[in-house]
């Protein structure tokens, strides 16, 4: 059975071909490292991870590949207002975030009631949403102790 990573590799390969771009070993290493990330990763963090494996991969290549991953629908950008764009794999489920302004901890959550309210608002205004991202900022339980 194909895994989500296999699906992403196939999707990215087809996207590159459609765009007339080559499927290079460096791009595939970047995709693999990105898909293995456990958190929201910045370009710089991903670059440092890849550089540990392959010193020939440049920062510009990582940046351009992340941009391609977003265009291919494999990655999403997330801006937690810390001045750094972060990336996360497009998952099987939509989620929003809670961000602690003290320690930076990020908690992903899904709330069907919130999703329903958003759908109701869009329907009321005859609005067709294409995407959204909600981030709530506050102090986590650990930092309040």
N, C-alpha and C. Protein backbone atom coordinates (compact mmCIF):
# COMPACT_ATOMS: atom_id res chain seq x y z
N UNK A 1 0.84 -1.18 0.00
CA UNK A 1 0.00 0.00 0.00
C UNK A 1 0.89 1.25 0.00
N UNK A 2 0.53 2.25 -0.79
CA UNK A 2 1.31 3.48 -0.89
C UNK A 2 1.15 4.32 0.36
N UNK A 3 2.25 4.90 0.79
CA UNK A 3 2.20 5.77 1.96
C UNK A 3 1.96 7.20 1.51
N UNK A 4 1.67 8.06 2.49
CA UNK A 4 1.47 9.48 2.18
C UNK A 4 2.74 10.07 1.57
N UNK A 5 3.92 9.62 2.04
CA UNK A 5 5.17 10.12 1.48
C UNK A 5 5.34 9.68 0.04
N UNK A 6 4.95 8.42 -0.27
CA UNK A 6 5.01 7.95 -1.66
C UNK A 6 4.11 8.81 -2.54
N UNK A 7 2.93 9.12 -2.03
CA UNK A 7 1.99 9.97 -2.78
C UNK A 7 2.60 11.35 -3.03
N UNK A 8 3.28 11.90 -2.02
CA UNK A 8 3.90 13.22 -2.17
C UNK A 8 5.02 13.17 -3.20
N UNK A 9 5.80 12.10 -3.20
CA UNK A 9 6.89 11.96 -4.17
C UNK A 9 6.31 11.91 -5.58
N UNK A 10 5.27 11.10 -5.77
CA UNK A 10 4.63 10.99 -7.08
C UNK A 10 4.05 12.33 -7.51
N UNK A 11 3.36 12.99 -6.59
CA UNK A 11 2.74 14.29 -6.90
C UNK A 11 3.81 15.31 -7.28
N UNK A 12 4.91 15.35 -6.53
CA UNK A 12 5.97 16.31 -6.79
C UNK A 12 6.65 16.02 -8.13
N UNK A 13 6.91 14.76 -8.40
CA UNK A 13 7.55 14.36 -9.65
C UNK A 13 6.68 14.77 -10.85
N UNK A 14 5.37 14.53 -10.75
CA UNK A 14 4.45 14.91 -11.83
C UNK A 14 4.39 16.43 -11.97
N UNK A 15 4.38 17.13 -10.83
CA UNK A 15 4.35 18.60 -10.85
C UNK A 15 5.58 19.16 -11.56
N UNK A 16 6.75 18.64 -11.19
CA UNK A 16 7.99 19.12 -11.81
C UNK A 16 7.96 18.88 -13.32
N UNK A 17 7.52 17.69 -13.72
CA UNK A 17 7.45 17.37 -15.16
C UNK A 17 6.49 18.32 -15.87
N UNK A 18 5.33 18.56 -15.26
CA UNK A 18 4.34 19.48 -15.83
C UNK A 18 4.92 20.87 -16.01
N UNK A 19 5.74 21.30 -15.05
CA UNK A 19 6.36 22.63 -15.11
C UNK A 19 7.61 22.66 -16.00
N UNK A 20 8.01 21.51 -16.52
CA UNK A 20 9.20 21.44 -17.37
C UNK A 20 10.49 21.51 -16.58
N UNK A 21 10.43 21.10 -15.31
CA UNK A 21 11.60 21.12 -14.44
C UNK A 21 12.11 19.69 -14.21
N UNK A 22 13.39 19.58 -13.91
CA UNK A 22 13.98 18.27 -13.68
C UNK A 22 13.71 17.78 -12.26
N UNK A 23 13.60 16.49 -12.13
CA UNK A 23 13.51 15.84 -10.81
C UNK A 23 14.95 15.52 -10.42
N UNK A 24 15.55 16.40 -9.63
CA UNK A 24 16.95 16.22 -9.26
C UNK A 24 17.08 15.51 -7.92
N UNK A 25 18.25 14.93 -7.69
CA UNK A 25 18.52 14.26 -6.42
C UNK A 25 18.41 15.25 -5.26
N UNK A 26 18.86 16.48 -5.46
CA UNK A 26 18.79 17.48 -4.39
C UNK A 26 17.35 17.81 -4.05
N UNK A 27 16.50 18.00 -5.05
CA UNK A 27 15.09 18.29 -4.77
C UNK A 27 14.43 17.14 -4.02
N UNK A 28 14.77 15.91 -4.40
CA UNK A 28 14.16 14.76 -3.74
C UNK A 28 14.67 14.61 -2.30
N UNK A 29 15.94 14.95 -2.05
CA UNK A 29 16.47 14.94 -0.68
C UNK A 29 15.75 15.98 0.18
N UNK A 30 15.49 17.14 -0.40
CA UNK A 30 14.80 18.20 0.32
C UNK A 30 13.37 17.76 0.62
N UNK A 31 12.69 17.18 -0.36
CA UNK A 31 11.33 16.68 -0.13
C UNK A 31 11.33 15.63 0.97
N UNK A 32 12.25 14.69 0.91
CA UNK A 32 12.32 13.63 1.92
C UNK A 32 12.55 14.20 3.32
N UNK A 33 13.49 15.12 3.45
CA UNK A 33 13.77 15.73 4.76
C UNK A 33 12.57 16.52 5.25
N UNK A 34 11.91 17.23 4.34
CA UNK A 34 10.73 18.00 4.71
C UNK A 34 9.62 17.09 5.23
N UNK A 35 9.36 16.00 4.54
CA UNK A 35 8.29 15.09 4.94
C UNK A 35 8.58 14.40 6.27
N UNK A 36 9.85 14.33 6.65
CA UNK A 36 10.23 13.70 7.92
C UNK A 36 10.20 14.67 9.10
N UNK A 37 9.99 15.96 8.84
CA UNK A 37 9.96 16.93 9.93
C UNK A 37 8.77 16.66 10.83
N UNK A 38 8.97 16.83 12.11
CA UNK A 38 7.92 16.58 13.08
C UNK A 38 7.25 17.86 13.55
N UNK A 39 7.76 19.00 13.12
CA UNK A 39 7.25 20.28 13.58
C UNK A 39 7.14 21.22 12.39
N UNK A 40 6.69 22.41 12.64
CA UNK A 40 6.65 23.44 11.61
C UNK A 40 8.09 23.90 11.43
N UNK A 41 8.61 23.76 10.24
CA UNK A 41 10.04 23.98 10.00
C UNK A 41 10.25 25.23 9.16
N UNK A 42 11.26 26.00 9.52
CA UNK A 42 11.64 27.15 8.70
C UNK A 42 12.57 26.68 7.60
N UNK A 43 12.76 27.52 6.61
CA UNK A 43 13.68 27.19 5.53
C UNK A 43 15.08 26.97 6.10
N UNK A 44 15.48 27.84 7.03
CA UNK A 44 16.81 27.74 7.62
C UNK A 44 16.99 26.43 8.39
N UNK A 45 15.96 26.03 9.15
CA UNK A 45 16.04 24.78 9.91
C UNK A 45 16.14 23.58 8.97
N UNK A 46 15.35 23.60 7.90
CA UNK A 46 15.40 22.50 6.94
C UNK A 46 16.76 22.47 6.24
N UNK A 47 17.27 23.63 5.90
CA UNK A 47 18.58 23.73 5.26
C UNK A 47 19.66 23.11 6.16
N UNK A 48 19.65 23.45 7.44
CA UNK A 48 20.66 22.90 8.35
C UNK A 48 20.54 21.38 8.49
N UNK A 49 19.31 20.89 8.50
CA UNK A 49 19.09 19.44 8.56
C UNK A 49 19.67 18.75 7.33
N UNK A 50 19.40 19.32 6.17
CA UNK A 50 19.87 18.72 4.92
C UNK A 50 21.38 18.82 4.81
N UNK A 51 21.95 19.93 5.24
CA UNK A 51 23.41 20.11 5.17
C UNK A 51 24.16 19.05 5.99
N UNK A 52 23.53 18.52 7.02
CA UNK A 52 24.16 17.44 7.79
C UNK A 52 24.31 16.18 6.94
N UNK A 53 23.42 15.99 5.98
CA UNK A 53 23.42 14.81 5.13
C UNK A 53 24.19 15.04 3.82
N UNK A 54 24.08 16.26 3.30
CA UNK A 54 24.64 16.54 1.98
C UNK A 54 25.11 17.99 1.93
N UNK A 55 26.42 18.18 1.95
CA UNK A 55 26.99 19.53 1.98
C UNK A 55 26.87 20.24 0.63
N UNK A 56 26.42 19.54 -0.41
CA UNK A 56 26.33 20.17 -1.73
C UNK A 56 25.02 20.91 -1.93
N UNK A 57 24.04 20.70 -1.05
CA UNK A 57 22.75 21.36 -1.19
C UNK A 57 22.84 22.78 -0.64
N UNK A 58 22.52 23.74 -1.47
CA UNK A 58 22.62 25.14 -1.08
C UNK A 58 21.32 25.68 -0.50
N UNK A 59 21.45 26.78 0.21
CA UNK A 59 20.31 27.43 0.85
C UNK A 59 19.27 27.88 -0.19
N UNK A 60 19.73 28.39 -1.31
CA UNK A 60 18.82 28.87 -2.35
C UNK A 60 18.03 27.69 -2.92
N UNK A 61 18.68 26.54 -3.07
CA UNK A 61 17.99 25.34 -3.58
C UNK A 61 16.89 24.91 -2.61
N UNK A 62 17.15 24.98 -1.32
CA UNK A 62 16.14 24.62 -0.32
C UNK A 62 14.98 25.61 -0.42
N UNK A 63 15.28 26.89 -0.49
CA UNK A 63 14.23 27.91 -0.58
C UNK A 63 13.37 27.69 -1.83
N UNK A 64 14.01 27.51 -2.96
CA UNK A 64 13.26 27.33 -4.21
C UNK A 64 12.43 26.05 -4.21
N UNK A 65 12.99 25.00 -3.61
CA UNK A 65 12.26 23.73 -3.55
C UNK A 65 11.06 23.84 -2.63
N UNK A 66 11.20 24.52 -1.51
CA UNK A 66 10.05 24.73 -0.62
C UNK A 66 8.95 25.50 -1.35
N UNK A 67 9.35 26.48 -2.13
CA UNK A 67 8.37 27.24 -2.91
C UNK A 67 7.66 26.32 -3.89
N UNK A 68 8.39 25.44 -4.54
CA UNK A 68 7.79 24.47 -5.47
C UNK A 68 6.86 23.50 -4.74
N UNK A 69 7.26 23.08 -3.54
CA UNK A 69 6.42 22.18 -2.76
C UNK A 69 5.09 22.85 -2.41
N UNK A 70 5.12 24.14 -2.13
CA UNK A 70 3.89 24.88 -1.86
C UNK A 70 3.03 24.96 -3.12
N UNK A 71 3.66 25.28 -4.24
CA UNK A 71 2.92 25.38 -5.51
C UNK A 71 2.32 24.04 -5.91
N UNK A 72 3.00 22.94 -5.54
CA UNK A 72 2.52 21.60 -5.88
C UNK A 72 1.44 21.11 -4.92
N UNK A 73 1.19 21.88 -3.85
CA UNK A 73 0.17 21.48 -2.89
C UNK A 73 0.66 20.44 -1.89
N UNK A 74 1.96 20.36 -1.70
CA UNK A 74 2.55 19.39 -0.77
C UNK A 74 2.88 20.07 0.56
N UNK A 75 3.13 21.37 0.52
CA UNK A 75 3.49 22.13 1.72
C UNK A 75 2.59 23.35 1.85
N UNK A 76 2.40 23.76 3.08
CA UNK A 76 1.70 25.01 3.40
C UNK A 76 2.65 25.91 4.15
N UNK A 77 2.51 27.22 3.94
CA UNK A 77 3.26 28.16 4.76
C UNK A 77 2.42 28.52 5.98
N UNK A 78 3.12 28.73 7.08
CA UNK A 78 2.47 29.15 8.32
C UNK A 78 3.30 30.29 8.88
N UNK A 79 2.65 31.38 9.23
CA UNK A 79 3.35 32.52 9.82
C UNK A 79 2.83 32.71 11.23
N UNK A 80 3.66 32.37 12.20
CA UNK A 80 3.29 32.50 13.60
C UNK A 80 3.66 33.87 14.16
N UNK A 81 3.90 34.83 13.27
CA UNK A 81 4.21 36.21 13.64
C UNK A 81 5.48 36.34 14.48
N UNK A 82 6.39 35.37 14.32
CA UNK A 82 7.69 35.48 14.98
C UNK A 82 8.74 35.98 13.98
N UNK A 83 8.26 36.44 12.83
CA UNK A 83 9.16 36.99 11.83
C UNK A 83 9.73 35.93 10.90
N UNK A 84 9.31 34.68 11.05
CA UNK A 84 9.86 33.62 10.25
C UNK A 84 8.74 32.79 9.64
N UNK A 85 8.79 32.62 8.34
CA UNK A 85 7.82 31.75 7.66
C UNK A 85 8.20 30.32 7.95
N UNK A 86 7.22 29.53 8.30
CA UNK A 86 7.44 28.10 8.57
C UNK A 86 6.60 27.30 7.59
N UNK A 87 6.97 26.06 7.44
CA UNK A 87 6.30 25.18 6.48
C UNK A 87 5.85 23.91 7.19
N UNK A 88 4.71 23.38 6.73
CA UNK A 88 4.24 22.11 7.24
C UNK A 88 3.67 21.31 6.07
N UNK A 89 3.81 19.99 6.12
CA UNK A 89 3.23 19.19 5.05
C UNK A 89 1.72 19.35 5.02
N UNK A 90 1.15 19.35 3.82
CA UNK A 90 -0.29 19.36 3.68
C UNK A 90 -0.76 18.00 4.16
N UNK A 91 -1.59 17.99 5.18
CA UNK A 91 -2.00 16.72 5.77
C UNK A 91 -3.35 16.25 5.28
N UNK A 92 -3.77 15.15 5.83
CA UNK A 92 -5.05 14.58 5.49
C UNK A 92 -6.18 15.36 6.16
N UNK A 93 -5.86 16.10 7.21
CA UNK A 93 -6.90 16.83 7.94
C UNK A 93 -6.49 18.28 8.16
N UNK A 94 -7.48 19.12 8.16
CA UNK A 94 -7.25 20.53 8.46
C UNK A 94 -7.07 20.68 9.97
N UNK A 95 -6.25 21.63 10.37
CA UNK A 95 -6.09 21.92 11.80
C UNK A 95 -5.73 23.38 11.98
N UNK A 96 -5.94 23.86 13.19
CA UNK A 96 -5.56 25.22 13.55
C UNK A 96 -4.52 25.14 14.65
N UNK A 97 -4.06 26.29 15.16
CA UNK A 97 -2.96 26.30 16.10
C UNK A 97 -3.22 27.17 17.32
N UNK A 98 -2.70 26.72 18.45
CA UNK A 98 -2.56 27.52 19.66
C UNK A 98 -1.05 27.76 19.82
N UNK A 99 -0.65 29.00 20.05
CA UNK A 99 0.77 29.31 20.16
C UNK A 99 1.01 30.04 21.48
N UNK A 100 1.93 29.50 22.28
CA UNK A 100 2.29 30.13 23.55
C UNK A 100 3.26 31.28 23.29
N UNK A 101 2.92 32.48 23.73
CA UNK A 101 3.79 33.64 23.50
C UNK A 101 4.96 33.68 24.47
N UNK A 102 4.95 32.79 25.46
CA UNK A 102 6.04 32.74 26.42
C UNK A 102 7.14 31.78 25.97
N UNK A 103 6.77 30.53 25.67
CA UNK A 103 7.78 29.53 25.32
C UNK A 103 7.79 29.15 23.84
N UNK A 104 6.78 29.60 23.09
CA UNK A 104 6.72 29.28 21.66
C UNK A 104 6.09 27.95 21.32
N UNK A 105 5.63 27.22 22.33
CA UNK A 105 5.00 25.93 22.09
C UNK A 105 3.82 26.09 21.14
N UNK A 106 3.68 25.12 20.21
CA UNK A 106 2.59 25.15 19.24
C UNK A 106 1.74 23.90 19.43
N UNK A 107 0.44 24.09 19.57
CA UNK A 107 -0.49 22.98 19.74
C UNK A 107 -1.45 23.00 18.56
N UNK A 108 -1.54 21.87 17.87
CA UNK A 108 -2.49 21.76 16.77
C UNK A 108 -3.82 21.24 17.31
N UNK A 109 -4.92 21.77 16.78
CA UNK A 109 -6.23 21.30 17.22
C UNK A 109 -7.23 21.37 16.08
N UNK A 110 -8.29 20.60 16.23
CA UNK A 110 -9.42 20.62 15.30
C UNK A 110 -10.66 20.77 16.15
N UNK A 111 -11.55 21.69 15.75
CA UNK A 111 -12.79 21.88 16.47
C UNK A 111 -13.93 21.99 15.46
N UNK A 112 -14.74 20.93 15.37
CA UNK A 112 -15.84 20.93 14.39
C UNK A 112 -16.80 22.10 14.56
N UNK A 113 -17.03 22.56 15.78
CA UNK A 113 -17.94 23.69 15.99
C UNK A 113 -17.39 24.96 15.35
N UNK A 114 -16.09 25.19 15.46
CA UNK A 114 -15.47 26.36 14.83
C UNK A 114 -15.56 26.24 13.32
N UNK A 115 -15.28 25.06 12.79
CA UNK A 115 -15.36 24.85 11.34
C UNK A 115 -16.77 25.11 10.84
N UNK A 116 -17.78 24.66 11.58
CA UNK A 116 -19.18 24.87 11.20
C UNK A 116 -19.52 26.36 11.19
N UNK A 117 -19.06 27.08 12.22
CA UNK A 117 -19.31 28.53 12.27
C UNK A 117 -18.70 29.24 11.06
N UNK A 118 -17.50 28.85 10.71
CA UNK A 118 -16.84 29.46 9.55
C UNK A 118 -17.63 29.16 8.28
N UNK A 119 -18.07 27.92 8.13
CA UNK A 119 -18.89 27.56 6.97
C UNK A 119 -20.18 28.37 6.93
N UNK A 120 -20.81 28.54 8.10
CA UNK A 120 -22.06 29.32 8.18
C UNK A 120 -21.83 30.77 7.76
N UNK A 121 -20.74 31.37 8.22
CA UNK A 121 -20.43 32.76 7.87
C UNK A 121 -20.21 32.88 6.36
N UNK A 122 -19.47 31.94 5.79
CA UNK A 122 -19.22 31.98 4.34
C UNK A 122 -20.53 31.82 3.56
N UNK A 123 -21.35 30.90 3.99
CA UNK A 123 -22.63 30.67 3.31
C UNK A 123 -23.50 31.93 3.39
N UNK A 124 -23.54 32.56 4.58
CA UNK A 124 -24.35 33.77 4.77
C UNK A 124 -23.93 34.88 3.82
N UNK A 125 -22.66 34.97 3.53
CA UNK A 125 -22.13 36.03 2.68
C UNK A 125 -21.89 35.56 1.25
N UNK A 126 -22.40 34.37 0.93
CA UNK A 126 -22.21 33.80 -0.41
C UNK A 126 -20.74 33.87 -0.82
N UNK A 127 -19.90 33.41 0.09
CA UNK A 127 -18.44 33.48 -0.06
C UNK A 127 -17.89 32.07 -0.19
N UNK A 128 -17.04 31.85 -1.19
CA UNK A 128 -16.43 30.54 -1.41
C UNK A 128 -15.00 30.57 -0.87
N UNK A 129 -14.75 30.00 0.32
CA UNK A 129 -13.39 30.02 0.87
C UNK A 129 -12.48 29.06 0.12
N UNK A 130 -11.24 29.45 -0.03
CA UNK A 130 -10.26 28.56 -0.65
C UNK A 130 -9.27 28.02 0.38
N UNK A 131 -9.09 28.75 1.47
CA UNK A 131 -8.20 28.30 2.54
C UNK A 131 -8.37 29.23 3.73
N UNK A 132 -7.98 28.73 4.88
CA UNK A 132 -7.91 29.59 6.06
C UNK A 132 -6.97 28.95 7.06
N UNK A 133 -6.51 29.78 7.95
CA UNK A 133 -5.62 29.31 9.01
C UNK A 133 -5.88 30.15 10.25
N UNK A 134 -6.21 29.48 11.33
CA UNK A 134 -6.47 30.22 12.57
C UNK A 134 -5.34 29.93 13.56
N UNK A 135 -4.86 31.01 14.17
CA UNK A 135 -3.83 30.90 15.21
C UNK A 135 -4.33 31.69 16.42
N UNK A 136 -4.40 31.03 17.56
CA UNK A 136 -4.74 31.70 18.81
C UNK A 136 -3.47 31.81 19.64
N UNK A 137 -3.18 33.01 20.13
CA UNK A 137 -1.98 33.25 20.92
C UNK A 137 -2.37 33.37 22.39
N UNK A 138 -1.53 32.88 23.26
CA UNK A 138 -1.79 32.96 24.69
C UNK A 138 -0.64 32.35 25.47
N UNK A 139 -0.93 31.95 26.69
CA UNK A 139 0.07 31.36 27.58
C UNK A 139 -0.33 29.91 27.85
N UNK A 140 0.58 28.98 27.59
CA UNK A 140 0.28 27.57 27.79
C UNK A 140 0.22 27.22 29.28
N UNK A 141 -0.30 26.04 29.54
CA UNK A 141 -0.47 25.60 30.92
C UNK A 141 0.87 25.54 31.66
N UNK A 142 1.91 25.03 31.01
CA UNK A 142 3.23 24.93 31.65
C UNK A 142 3.78 26.29 32.05
N UNK A 143 3.64 27.28 31.18
CA UNK A 143 4.16 28.62 31.48
C UNK A 143 3.35 29.35 32.53
N UNK A 144 2.08 28.99 32.70
CA UNK A 144 1.26 29.62 33.74
C UNK A 144 1.58 29.09 35.12
N UNK A 145 2.26 27.98 35.21
CA UNK A 145 2.60 27.39 36.53
C UNK A 145 3.65 28.19 37.26
